[in-house]
């Protein structure tokens, strides 16, 4: 009998996911946003219909789902696509991260926040949500130059963001007279560099072996084995499983010679994990936190949007994007979720004096960006497609 609530909950959640897909097709609202809204309604901030134990599923499910997304994003960084869009990917990803950091940090400092808190919030603002972006592109039938560029940007901008965050924590500690802590910088560099090394270590043998058991494509068991192995080893070595998955996916997609499309089998199996991930993400959201941040939250939301717009336009200009793509690439990068919350948790531990307001602000505004971000991403894809004549 103790297993009955588990199976009933899973059944209801999957059917809720089906309902969100159906409603999304009829209303043109992204399925990601609908799943998050349903999650909020059934979670603790809504009707509290979910068993408390179900909330504890969120962390392991998010790791699996995000690692799958990471492999798919990494596999989009194939040599042919990088050769075609590499300039734009690099220019936009760097420009968006730097512009977001500068605009948010300086803007919050000018409206009265302590400089160390403004620096930390600016660094947190650089994070994106690769899962929501990838899922929205899938739903929009995201093929073409703009979608390929967007996938490439999402695949690497969190790496830039983590590097900026590591430097920002050190700078914030110095401003607050807490002293310079090189150990913290080394830990952050290990999380990024160690993840890339792990991705290489898994990706090289994976590229040799994948696709040999069945000619043409790797089997589902191969794909899942690589995903779970990457996630587990990343957690064990305390490096970013997101970056490790992207690195492994990029290596395998570029070096494997026994299949035409890497990780096609992951695309076939990731959907149930993503449905549960987004529903439980919504159920975990604390709407009370959004009300608590008040005018600071409104300022953060406005400044982050401005930073995205400015960074996307400047990066697109240097990256050779068309005028329409320059207008929409920044807004398409609005979704923000788990990576930002993770950054805030680390910063709160290192600087407990500002930890409460930083966590409250990040969790509260994440609700907004997770709900409106996929909608704007979908609008961006459709606007660029329309400008290209529906191609």
Foldseek 3Di string as FASTA:
>chain_A
DVCVLVVVVLVVLVVQLVVLLVVCVVPVAQSLLSLLVLLQCCAPVHPVVRDPVLLVVQVVLVLLLLLLLLLVLLLLPAPVLCVVQVLLLVLLLVLLLVLQQVLQQVLLVVVPDDNLLSNLLSLLLQAFDSNLLVSLCVSLVNDDNLSSSLSSNNNCSVLVSLLSLLVSLQVSCVSVVVDGDVVSSVLSCCQNVVLLVLLVVLQPVLLVPAQPVPAAGGDLVSLSVSSVVLSVVCVVSVHDSSNNSSNSSNSNSHRRDRHDGYPPSSVVPSVSSSSSNSSSQSSPADQVLLVVLPPSLVSSLVSSLVSLLRSLLRSCVSSVHDPLSSRQSSLLRQQHDDSSLVSLVVSCVSPVVCNVSSNSSSRNNNSVSSNCNSVSNSVSSVSVCVVVVND
